Amino acid sequence: MARKTVERNISYDDIRKIYYVSMDLGKDKEGKRVKRYQTYRTLYAARMGLRNFLTHREEELRTPKHDLTLADWLESWMENIVRPTRAETTVYGYQKIINNHVLPALGHIPLLKLTPMDIQQYYIQVQQTANLSGNTLRRHHDLLSSALRSAVRQDKLLTSPMDRVEPPRAKQKEASYYRPEELKQLYALLEGYGHPVLFCAGAATLNAVSGQRERFAQACDFLIASPDVLDALNDKGAVHRRCRELGIPVPRQFDGEPDRYPVIIKPRCGEKFGLKARERYAVADNAQEYEVRRLLMSRYDPSPIVQEKVEGAGAGASLLLDRDSRLIAALCHRRVREYPASGGPSTCCESFYDERLIDQAYRLLSSFGFVGMAMVEFKGDYVLEVNPRVWGSFPMTERADSPFAVRYARAAAGERLDYAPRDYQTGVRMRFTLNDGAAMLDYLRHGRPGPFFQGMADWFRAREALSAKDDPAPWRRYLRNTLLRR
């Protein structure tokens, strides 16, 4: 038999017209090298066979070798990783889930043989036998994700089966905005004006009309997106995924315990839970703070969004899209001060123009088929979230002489308009006086005198957001609400 080497580990028999692949299986117990040969009809098939063997062999060598069960690993994980670094409430909660549910169902399975199907069946079983809600099951999912991710880091697993597990769906509370009788009152009021243009300043009215668009279209004109689109844009997770699909920068998002800090923890939709702006996120600078902040945030959302805290100037791109999701108005503003100083709602902002921000915001909103007014919030180069409604800094559209509101009315009434860039004043500063005063003092308390003295100068040049000579009611309401709240 005439066999000659063609490539490394591949030889050709020119009599039998076949290729031989030499597969090195390592050494046996006596130290002798063991080889196996496989034959192929073509050189291409031989190369593919060798490649598949080497890939499989490398995985075998990398695969951990031990006889730990899931119960053994969870005991080690709790004792050596969780207990020394987590709050007592977290340790207690984890141990209760493990003892009452995980160990009876999965504890006997060898860690190396635990499959995604085992875990999916566990979710079904425990939900049926213990009658657990989707929210509670999501905590089981987070616990297993964290434990098995640690097993990968400790070289007890090559990969985590949780990477291929469909997480349980947590049921969110849905806020009820308008009662049926209130909807009837709103409809009757609109009918009395002879088909006016409806401008929804509040989220309650916006959601009420969105849910019955066809009915309200008989009584008034408006630019309001469908409930599905509003829900998608209010969902920070959905916005994050869409931005990644579109190539728009977003902060890194963690599916389980973060591997770096600081991080931001926030519910997927804080508005649905009636949270104030400053309550809609929490900052964690380390693992212990993460556990505490996440536990507190889970009161509103059992599976909150966890993202890296990015640095950079805060800015917003406010857009108006017509019924065909065409851009017809835009305005940019940057944050000057916020309260609290460590991060919170804007108390002073300045108008400016940035074509890049407007373009990214428009691509994002139009991809959802959005209609109406929205503000896309940026931090540095990253998109943080979307406010698909009238937002806190909306008065800047009037202070900067933008035709935003007028264009809304004209487009809602059916007029087709074209977008005109830079149709507003830039460099205009606007402030919410009382909140900005509190922000200035907070900057001073945090050893940052620069923003404080800048705020003193703004007393003479920044325009008050809610003050108007011909309509003092908003200013009076703002004073009353702010002073009473404090």
Protein backbone atom coordinates (compact mmCIF):
# COMPACT_ATOMS: atom_id res chain seq x y z
CA MET A 1 0.00 0.00 0.00
CA ALA A 2 1.52 3.27 -1.11
CA ARG A 3 0.54 5.95 1.40
CA LYS A 4 2.14 9.38 1.40
CA THR A 5 1.66 12.45 3.59
CA VAL A 6 -0.34 15.23 1.96
CA GLU A 7 -0.67 17.55 4.94
CA ARG A 8 0.00 17.27 8.63
CA ASN A 9 -2.14 14.38 9.98
CA ILE A 10 -3.51 13.65 6.48
CA SER A 11 -2.10 11.04 4.10
CA TYR A 12 -3.24 9.66 0.74
CA ASP A 13 -3.34 6.03 -0.43
CA ASP A 14 -2.93 6.21 -4.21
CA ILE A 15 -3.87 2.53 -4.63
CA ARG A 16 -7.14 2.57 -2.66
CA LYS A 17 -7.74 6.20 -3.65
CA ILE A 18 -8.67 7.30 -0.12
CA TYR A 19 -7.38 9.81 2.43
CA TYR A 20 -6.36 8.82 5.96
CA VAL A 21 -6.71 11.23 8.88
CA SER A 22 -4.55 10.55 11.96
CA MET A 23 -6.43 11.50 15.16
CA ASP A 24 -4.30 11.79 18.28
CA LEU A 25 -6.28 10.62 21.34
CA GLY A 26 -3.50 11.36 23.82
CA LYS A 27 -1.78 8.80 26.05
CA ASP A 28 -3.19 5.76 27.76
CA LYS A 29 -2.62 4.71 31.39
CA GLU A 30 0.78 3.26 30.49
CA GLY A 31 1.94 6.46 28.83
CA LYS A 32 1.65 5.17 25.27
CA ARG A 33 0.25 7.50 22.63
CA VAL A 34 -3.07 6.35 21.21
CA LYS A 35 -4.11 7.19 17.66
CA ARG A 36 -7.16 6.48 15.58
CA TYR A 37 -7.45 6.65 11.81
CA GLN A 38 -10.44 7.70 9.78
CA THR A 39 -10.75 7.41 6.01
CA TYR A 40 -12.36 9.88 3.58
CA ARG A 41 -12.94 9.91 -0.18
CA THR A 42 -11.85 13.51 -0.80
CA LEU A 43 -9.23 15.86 0.58
CA TYR A 44 -11.94 18.38 1.49
CA ALA A 45 -13.82 15.75 3.54
CA ALA A 46 -10.56 14.74 5.23
CA ARG A 47 -9.80 18.34 6.19
CA MET A 48 -13.32 18.84 7.58
CA GLY A 49 -13.08 15.58 9.52
CA LEU A 50 -9.76 16.61 11.05
CA ARG A 51 -11.10 20.05 11.92
CA ASN A 52 -14.19 18.59 13.62
CA PHE A 53 -12.05 16.13 15.57
CA LEU A 54 -9.67 18.83 16.79
CA THR A 55 -12.57 21.08 17.81
CA HIS A 56 -14.25 18.26 19.70
CA ARG A 57 -10.95 17.22 21.27
CA GLU A 58 -10.25 20.76 22.45
CA GLU A 59 -13.69 20.95 24.05
CA GLU A 60 -13.06 17.62 25.79
CA LEU A 61 -9.77 18.88 27.20
CA ARG A 62 -11.39 22.14 28.35
CA THR A 63 -14.44 20.47 29.88
CA PRO A 64 -14.14 20.30 33.69
CA LYS A 65 -13.97 16.84 35.22
CA HIS A 66 -15.66 16.40 38.59
CA ASP A 67 -18.65 14.64 40.15
CA LEU A 68 -20.30 17.66 41.82
CA THR A 69 -24.09 17.73 41.83
CA LEU A 70 -26.05 20.95 41.57
CA ALA A 71 -26.72 20.65 45.32
CA ASP A 72 -22.97 20.43 46.02
CA TRP A 73 -22.25 23.50 43.92
CA LEU A 74 -25.08 25.59 45.39
CA GLU A 75 -23.84 24.80 48.89
CA SER A 76 -20.29 25.89 47.95
CA TRP A 77 -21.57 28.97 46.09
CA MET A 78 -23.69 30.12 49.03
CA GLU A 79 -20.93 29.54 51.58
CA ASN A 80 -17.94 30.95 49.71
CA ILE A 81 -19.39 33.55 47.33
CA VAL A 82 -22.84 34.71 48.41
CA ARG A 83 -22.67 34.74 52.20
CA PRO A 84 -19.42 36.78 52.53
CA THR A 85 -20.48 39.46 50.01
CA ARG A 86 -24.27 39.82 50.09
CA ALA A 87 -26.72 41.41 52.48
CA GLU A 88 -28.38 39.16 55.06
CA THR A 89 -31.78 39.63 53.42
CA THR A 90 -30.37 38.41 50.09
CA VAL A 91 -28.70 35.37 51.72
CA TYR A 92 -31.94 34.48 53.49
CA GLY A 93 -34.02 34.83 50.32
CA TYR A 94 -31.59 32.76 48.24
CA GLN A 95 -31.36 30.00 50.84
CA LYS A 96 -35.14 29.79 51.12
CA ILE A 97 -35.54 29.35 47.34
CA ILE A 98 -32.75 26.75 47.25
CA ASN A 99 -34.01 24.66 50.17
CA ASN A 100 -37.73 24.80 49.38
CA HIS A 101 -37.67 24.47 45.60
CA VAL A 102 -34.36 24.02 43.76
CA LEU A 103 -32.82 21.18 45.77
CA PRO A 104 -35.90 18.90 45.81
CA ALA A 105 -36.30 19.22 42.03
CA LEU A 106 -32.77 19.62 40.67
CA GLY A 107 -30.27 19.08 43.49
CA HIS A 108 -29.49 15.44 42.58
CA ILE A 109 -28.47 16.22 38.96
CA PRO A 110 -24.70 16.20 38.27
CA LEU A 111 -23.62 19.76 37.55
CA LEU A 112 -21.97 18.76 34.27
CA LYS A 113 -25.18 17.06 33.07
CA LEU A 114 -27.60 19.86 33.96
CA THR A 115 -29.41 20.90 30.75
CA PRO A 116 -31.57 23.87 29.74
CA MET A 117 -34.51 21.45 29.42
CA ASP A 118 -34.05 20.39 33.07
CA ILE A 119 -34.41 24.01 34.13
CA GLN A 120 -37.36 24.77 31.82
CA GLN A 121 -39.19 21.73 33.20
CA TYR A 122 -38.34 22.88 36.71
CA TYR A 123 -40.09 26.21 36.06
CA ILE A 124 -43.22 24.41 34.85
CA GLN A 125 -43.18 21.94 37.75
CA VAL A 126 -42.65 24.46 40.53
CA GLN A 127 -45.25 26.81 39.06
CA GLN A 128 -47.84 24.04 39.03
CA THR A 129 -47.04 22.44 42.40
CA ALA A 130 -46.27 25.57 44.42
CA ASN A 131 -48.56 27.94 42.46
CA LEU A 132 -45.77 30.52 42.11
CA SER A 133 -46.26 33.68 40.11
CA GLY A 134 -44.16 34.68 37.11
CA ASN A 135 -42.58 37.39 39.25
CA THR A 136 -41.44 34.88 41.87
CA LEU A 137 -40.18 32.44 39.24
CA ARG A 138 -38.09 35.23 37.77
CA ARG A 139 -36.21 35.40 41.10
CA HIS A 140 -35.50 31.65 40.79
CA HIS A 141 -34.18 32.32 37.28
CA ASP A 142 -31.91 35.13 38.48
CA LEU A 143 -30.56 32.96 41.31
CA LEU A 144 -29.72 30.04 39.00
CA SER A 145 -28.20 32.40 36.43
CA SER A 146 -25.91 33.93 39.03
CA ALA A 147 -24.94 30.57 40.56
CA LEU A 148 -24.14 28.86 37.24
CA ARG A 149 -22.32 31.90 35.90
CA SER A 150 -20.10 31.67 38.98
CA ALA A 151 -19.57 27.97 38.21
CA VAL A 152 -18.24 28.96 34.78
CA ARG A 153 -15.90 31.53 36.34
CA GLN A 154 -14.66 28.91 38.82
CA ASP A 155 -14.01 26.40 35.97
CA LYS A 156 -16.71 24.02 37.18
CA LEU A 157 -18.64 24.44 33.92
CA LEU A 158 -17.51 25.18 30.39
CA THR A 159 -20.71 27.11 29.62
CA SER A 160 -23.83 27.90 31.60
CA PRO A 161 -27.05 26.10 30.57
CA MET A 162 -28.89 29.28 31.61
CA ASP A 163 -27.65 30.94 28.42
CA ARG A 164 -30.23 28.85 26.53
CA VAL A 165 -33.08 29.00 29.05
CA GLU A 166 -36.16 31.10 28.30
CA PRO A 167 -36.71 33.22 31.44
CA PRO A 168 -40.17 33.21 33.08
CA ARG A 169 -42.29 36.20 32.20
CA ALA A 170 -42.83 38.57 35.11
CA LYS A 171 -46.29 40.08 35.15
CA GLN A 172 -46.13 43.86 35.44
CA LYS A 173 -48.74 45.93 37.12
CA GLU A 174 -50.72 47.96 34.66
CA ALA A 175 -51.76 51.40 35.79
CA SER A 176 -55.40 52.33 35.29
CA TYR A 177 -55.61 55.88 34.02
CA TYR A 178 -59.18 56.83 33.18
CA ARG A 179 -62.40 55.34 34.48
CA PRO A 180 -65.14 54.74 31.90
CA GLU A 181 -67.18 57.72 33.12
CA GLU A 182 -64.13 59.98 32.84
CA LEU A 183 -63.57 58.87 29.25
CA LYS A 184 -67.17 59.77 28.48
CA GLN A 185 -66.67 63.20 30.03
CA LEU A 186 -63.54 63.80 27.98
CA TYR A 187 -65.28 62.72 24.78
CA ALA A 188 -68.28 64.96 25.48
CA LEU A 189 -65.97 67.91 26.18
CA LEU A 190 -64.20 67.45 22.86
CA GLU A 191 -67.48 67.18 20.98
CA GLY A 192 -68.50 70.54 22.41
CA TYR A 193 -65.54 72.25 20.68
CA GLY A 194 -66.40 71.12 17.16
CA HIS A 195 -63.57 68.71 16.30
CA PRO A 196 -60.56 70.48 17.88
CA VAL A 197 -56.90 69.43 17.91
CA LEU A 198 -56.17 67.45 21.08
CA PHE A 199 -52.77 68.07 22.70
CA CYS A 200 -52.21 65.54 25.50
CA ALA A 201 -49.99 67.15 28.14
CA GLY A 202 -50.28 64.25 30.58
CA ALA A 203 -49.57 60.54 30.29
CA ALA A 204 -53.03 59.65 31.62
CA THR A 205 -54.84 61.40 28.77
CA LEU A 206 -52.32 60.17 26.20
CA ASN A 207 -52.79 56.52 27.17
CA ALA A 208 -56.56 56.85 27.43
CA VAL A 209 -56.88 58.31 23.92
CA SER A 210 -54.29 55.90 22.50
CA GLY A 211 -56.38 52.97 23.68
CA GLN A 212 -59.46 54.27 21.83
CA ARG A 213 -57.95 56.13 18.88
CA GLU A 214 -60.69 55.27 16.41
CA ARG A 215 -63.42 56.49 18.73
CA PHE A 216 -61.67 59.76 19.63
CA ALA A 217 -60.76 60.42 15.99
CA GLN A 218 -64.48 61.10 15.45
CA ALA A 219 -64.37 63.98 17.95
CA CYS A 220 -60.89 65.53 17.51
CA ASP A 221 -57.59 65.51 15.61
CA PHE A 222 -54.37 64.29 17.23
CA LEU A 223 -50.96 62.69 16.67
CA ILE A 224 -50.84 59.76 19.08
CA ALA A 225 -49.19 56.36 18.64
CA SER A 226 -50.94 53.05 19.23
CA PRO A 227 -50.79 51.39 22.68
CA ASP A 228 -48.37 48.73 21.40
CA VAL A 229 -45.92 51.37 20.16
CA LEU A 230 -46.18 53.40 23.39
CA ASP A 231 -45.61 50.27 25.48
CA ALA A 232 -42.59 49.29 23.39
CA LEU A 233 -40.98 52.74 23.71
CA ASN A 234 -41.71 52.85 27.43
CA ASP A 235 -39.95 49.48 27.80
CA LYS A 236 -36.28 50.26 28.31
CA GLY A 237 -35.34 46.70 27.40
CA ALA A 238 -37.13 46.92 24.05
CA VAL A 239 -35.51 50.28 23.28
CA HIS A 240 -32.08 48.88 24.17
CA ARG A 241 -32.52 45.90 21.85
CA ARG A 242 -33.76 48.07 18.96
CA CYS A 243 -30.83 50.48 19.34
CA ARG A 244 -28.41 47.58 19.08
CA GLU A 245 -30.17 46.34 15.94
CA LEU A 246 -29.88 49.83 14.41
CA GLY A 247 -26.23 50.29 15.43
CA ILE A 248 -27.05 53.13 17.84
CA PRO A 249 -24.74 53.17 20.90
CA VAL A 250 -26.33 52.10 24.20
CA PRO A 251 -24.83 51.32 27.62
CA ARG A 252 -23.80 47.73 28.27
CA GLN A 253 -26.65 45.79 29.80
CA PHE A 254 -26.21 42.95 32.32
CA ASP A 255 -28.54 39.94 32.30
CA GLY A 256 -27.45 38.86 35.75
CA GLU A 257 -25.02 40.05 38.39
CA PRO A 258 -22.73 42.77 36.95
CA ASP A 259 -19.02 42.09 36.55
CA ARG A 260 -18.15 45.77 36.86
CA TYR A 261 -19.42 48.83 38.70
CA PRO A 262 -20.99 51.36 38.99
CA VAL A 263 -24.29 50.32 37.46
CA ILE A 264 -27.75 51.83 37.06
CA ILE A 265 -30.79 49.78 38.15
CA LYS A 266 -34.20 50.83 36.85
CA PRO A 267 -37.61 49.31 36.15
CA ARG A 268 -38.49 48.66 32.54
CA CYS A 269 -41.22 51.27 32.79
CA GLY A 270 -41.19 53.48 35.90
CA GLU A 271 -44.15 55.48 34.67
CA LYS A 272 -46.48 52.50 34.98
CA PHE A 273 -45.81 52.36 38.71
CA GLY A 274 -46.42 56.06 39.30
CA LEU A 275 -42.79 56.70 40.24
CA LYS A 276 -41.37 60.19 40.31
CA ALA A 277 -38.45 60.84 37.98
CA ARG A 278 -35.83 60.59 40.74
CA GLU A 279 -37.30 57.27 41.94
CA ARG A 280 -37.03 55.58 38.54
CA TYR A 281 -33.42 54.48 38.93
CA ALA A 282 -30.79 53.65 41.54
CA VAL A 283 -26.98 53.66 41.40
CA ALA A 284 -24.88 50.80 42.81
CA ASP A 285 -21.12 51.24 43.21
CA ASN A 286 -20.34 47.68 44.35
CA ALA A 287 -21.82 44.19 44.73
CA GLN A 288 -23.32 44.82 48.16
CA GLU A 289 -25.04 48.01 47.04
CA TYR A 290 -26.25 46.18 43.94
CA GLU A 291 -28.06 43.56 46.01
CA VAL A 292 -29.73 46.18 48.22
CA ARG A 293 -30.72 48.52 45.34
CA ARG A 294 -31.96 45.66 43.19
CA LEU A 295 -34.04 44.27 46.05
CA LEU A 296 -35.64 47.68 46.58
CA MET A 297 -36.29 48.15 42.86
CA SER A 298 -37.85 44.68 42.61
CA ARG A 299 -40.82 46.05 44.55
CA TYR A 300 -41.83 47.68 41.28
CA ASP A 301 -40.29 45.36 38.71
CA PRO A 302 -39.11 41.83 39.63
CA SER A 303 -36.70 41.93 36.70
CA PRO A 304 -35.33 45.48 36.46
CA ILE A 305 -32.88 46.70 33.83
CA VAL A 306 -29.23 46.75 34.96
CA GLN A 307 -26.82 48.83 32.85
CA GLU A 308 -23.34 50.22 33.21
CA LYS A 309 -23.27 53.82 34.40
CA VAL A 310 -21.90 55.82 31.50
CA GLU A 311 -20.26 59.21 31.74
CA GLY A 312 -20.84 62.25 29.58
CA ALA A 313 -23.09 65.25 29.18
CA GLY A 314 -26.82 64.65 29.37
CA ALA A 315 -28.84 65.73 26.36
CA GLY A 316 -32.23 65.22 24.77
CA ALA A 317 -33.49 65.18 21.19
CA SER A 318 -37.16 66.18 21.06
CA LEU A 319 -38.91 65.08 17.87
CA LEU A 320 -42.33 65.43 16.27
CA LEU A 321 -43.42 62.77 13.75
CA ASP A 322 -46.53 63.02 11.59
CA ARG A 323 -49.08 60.30 10.80
CA ASP A 324 -46.67 58.69 8.36
CA SER A 325 -43.82 58.72 10.94
CA ARG A 326 -42.10 61.53 8.99
CA LEU A 327 -39.95 63.97 10.92
CA ILE A 328 -41.52 67.46 10.90
CA ALA A 329 -39.92 69.19 13.92
CA ALA A 330 -36.92 68.69 16.20
CA LEU A 331 -35.11 70.47 19.02
CA CYS A 332 -32.06 69.51 21.10
CA HIS A 333 -31.29 70.54 24.65
CA ARG A 334 -28.39 69.76 26.97
CA ARG A 335 -28.52 69.50 30.73
CA VAL A 336 -26.79 72.24 32.68
CA ARG A 337 -27.78 71.23 36.23
CA GLU A 338 -29.84 68.44 37.78
CA TYR A 339 -31.23 67.54 41.18
CA PRO A 340 -29.93 65.70 43.03
CA ALA A 341 -26.44 66.60 41.86
CA SER A 342 -25.45 62.92 41.77
CA GLY A 343 -28.01 62.39 39.02
CA GLY A 344 -31.67 63.29 38.70
CA PRO A 345 -34.18 65.32 36.69
CA SER A 346 -32.89 68.38 34.87
CA THR A 347 -33.40 71.70 36.65
CA CYS A 348 -31.66 73.90 34.05
CA CYS A 349 -31.05 73.18 30.38
CA GLU A 350 -29.86 74.94 27.23
CA SER A 351 -31.00 74.62 23.62
CA PHE A 352 -28.48 73.59 20.97
CA TYR A 353 -28.43 71.83 17.60
CA ASP A 354 -26.92 68.41 16.92
CA GLU A 355 -27.72 66.72 13.63
CA ARG A 356 -26.30 63.38 14.80
CA LEU A 357 -28.58 63.19 17.84
CA ILE A 358 -31.61 64.09 15.75
CA ASP A 359 -30.74 61.46 13.14
CA GLN A 360 -30.27 58.69 15.72
CA ALA A 361 -33.45 59.66 17.55
CA TYR A 362 -35.43 59.70 14.31
CA ARG A 363 -34.12 56.32 13.17
CA LEU A 364 -35.07 54.84 16.53
CA LEU A 365 -38.58 56.33 16.70
CA SER A 366 -39.46 55.69 13.07
CA SER A 367 -38.38 52.03 13.39
CA PHE A 368 -41.29 51.59 15.81
CA GLY A 369 -43.72 53.40 13.51
CA PHE A 370 -44.09 56.14 16.11
CA VAL A 371 -46.51 59.04 15.68
CA GLY A 372 -46.52 62.21 17.78
CA MET A 373 -44.09 63.83 20.21
CA ALA A 374 -41.20 62.10 21.97
CA MET A 375 -37.90 62.94 23.61
CA VAL A 376 -34.94 60.58 23.26
CA GLU A 377 -32.54 60.94 26.18
CA PHE A 378 -28.78 60.67 25.65
CA LYS A 379 -25.79 60.45 27.98
CA GLY A 380 -22.64 61.23 26.07
CA ASP A 381 -22.88 59.12 22.91
CA TYR A 382 -25.37 56.65 24.37
CA VAL A 383 -29.16 56.42 24.17
CA LEU A 384 -30.61 55.91 27.65
CA GLU A 385 -34.37 55.86 27.14
CA VAL A 386 -37.35 57.35 25.33
CA ASN A 387 -40.18 59.50 26.69
CA PRO A 388 -42.98 58.97 24.12
CA ARG A 389 -45.05 61.88 25.46
CA VAL A 390 -44.77 65.45 26.68
CA TRP A 391 -41.60 65.55 28.83
CA GLY A 392 -40.31 67.76 31.64
CA SER A 393 -38.22 70.05 29.46
CA PHE A 394 -40.98 70.51 26.85
CA PRO A 395 -41.35 74.25 27.77
CA MET A 396 -37.98 74.72 26.03
CA THR A 397 -39.83 74.43 22.70
CA GLU A 398 -41.63 77.69 23.55
CA ARG A 399 -38.68 79.41 25.23
CA ALA A 400 -36.45 78.75 22.17
CA ASP A 401 -39.17 79.97 19.75
CA SER A 402 -39.59 76.54 18.17
CA PRO A 403 -42.76 76.01 16.06
CA PHE A 404 -43.13 72.60 17.70
CA ALA A 405 -46.65 73.07 19.09
CA VAL A 406 -47.91 74.89 16.01
CA ARG A 407 -46.59 72.17 13.73
CA TYR A 408 -48.24 69.56 15.92
CA ALA A 409 -51.62 71.27 15.46
CA ARG A 410 -51.20 71.70 11.71
CA ALA A 411 -50.06 68.11 11.14
CA ALA A 412 -52.77 66.71 13.41
CA ALA A 413 -55.35 68.59 11.35
CA GLY A 414 -54.08 66.80 8.23
CA GLU A 415 -51.59 69.26 6.73
CA ARG A 416 -48.47 67.66 5.23
CA LEU A 417 -45.37 69.50 6.43
CA ASP A 418 -41.67 69.24 5.60
CA TYR A 419 -38.93 69.23 8.20
CA ALA A 420 -36.95 72.47 8.56
CA PRO A 421 -33.65 72.06 10.51
CA ARG A 422 -32.53 74.72 12.99
CA ASP A 423 -35.93 76.40 13.18
CA TYR A 424 -35.37 77.52 16.77
CA GLN A 425 -32.95 79.62 18.80
CA THR A 426 -29.85 77.92 20.21
CA GLY A 427 -28.05 78.97 23.39
CA VAL A 428 -31.33 79.64 25.24
CA ARG A 429 -31.22 78.65 28.90
CA MET A 430 -34.31 77.60 30.84
CA ARG A 431 -34.66 76.75 34.50
CA PHE A 432 -37.20 75.51 37.03
CA THR A 433 -36.38 78.13 39.65
CA LEU A 434 -37.10 76.35 42.94
CA ASN A 435 -35.70 73.00 41.83
CA ASP A 436 -32.64 74.72 40.38
CA GLY A 437 -32.03 76.52 43.66
CA ALA A 438 -32.06 73.17 45.45
CA ALA A 439 -29.69 71.78 42.83
CA MET A 440 -27.24 74.64 43.31
CA LEU A 441 -27.10 74.02 47.06
CA ASP A 442 -26.68 70.29 46.48
CA TYR A 443 -23.70 70.90 44.17
CA LEU A 444 -22.19 73.10 46.89
CA ARG A 445 -22.72 70.39 49.53
CA HIS A 446 -20.92 67.91 47.28
CA GLY A 447 -17.88 70.18 46.99
CA ARG A 448 -18.66 71.39 43.46
CA PRO A 449 -18.82 75.20 43.67
CA GLY A 450 -18.60 75.68 39.89
CA PRO A 451 -22.24 74.75 39.12
CA PHE A 452 -23.35 76.80 42.13
CA PHE A 453 -21.78 80.03 40.88
CA GLN A 454 -22.88 79.24 37.33
CA GLY A 455 -26.42 78.97 38.71
CA MET A 456 -26.07 82.39 40.38
CA ALA A 457 -25.21 83.89 36.99
CA ASP A 458 -28.19 82.12 35.43
CA TRP A 459 -30.54 84.02 37.72
CA PHE A 460 -30.04 86.94 35.35
CA ARG A 461 -30.10 85.16 31.98
CA ALA A 462 -32.01 81.86 32.22
CA ARG A 463 -35.73 81.95 31.49
CA GLU A 464 -38.21 80.41 33.92
CA ALA A 465 -39.79 77.33 32.37
CA LEU A 466 -43.37 77.83 33.56
CA SER A 467 -43.76 81.59 33.91
CA ALA A 468 -45.96 83.45 31.41
CA LYS A 469 -47.58 86.88 31.81
CA ASP A 470 -50.74 85.90 29.97
CA ASP A 471 -51.13 82.58 31.84
CA PRO A 472 -49.86 82.62 35.45
CA ALA A 473 -51.71 79.43 36.45
CA PRO A 474 -48.86 76.94 35.63
CA TRP A 475 -46.36 79.02 37.63
CA ARG A 476 -48.67 79.23 40.64
CA ARG A 477 -49.35 75.48 40.49
CA TYR A 478 -45.62 74.77 40.26
CA LEU A 479 -44.88 76.95 43.31
CA ARG A 480 -47.64 75.36 45.36
CA ASN A 481 -46.75 71.77 44.47
CA THR A 482 -43.02 72.24 44.95
CA LEU A 483 -43.29 74.07 48.28
CA LEU A 484 -45.83 71.66 49.70
CA ARG A 485 -43.75 68.66 48.62
CA ARG A 486 -40.76 70.06 50.42
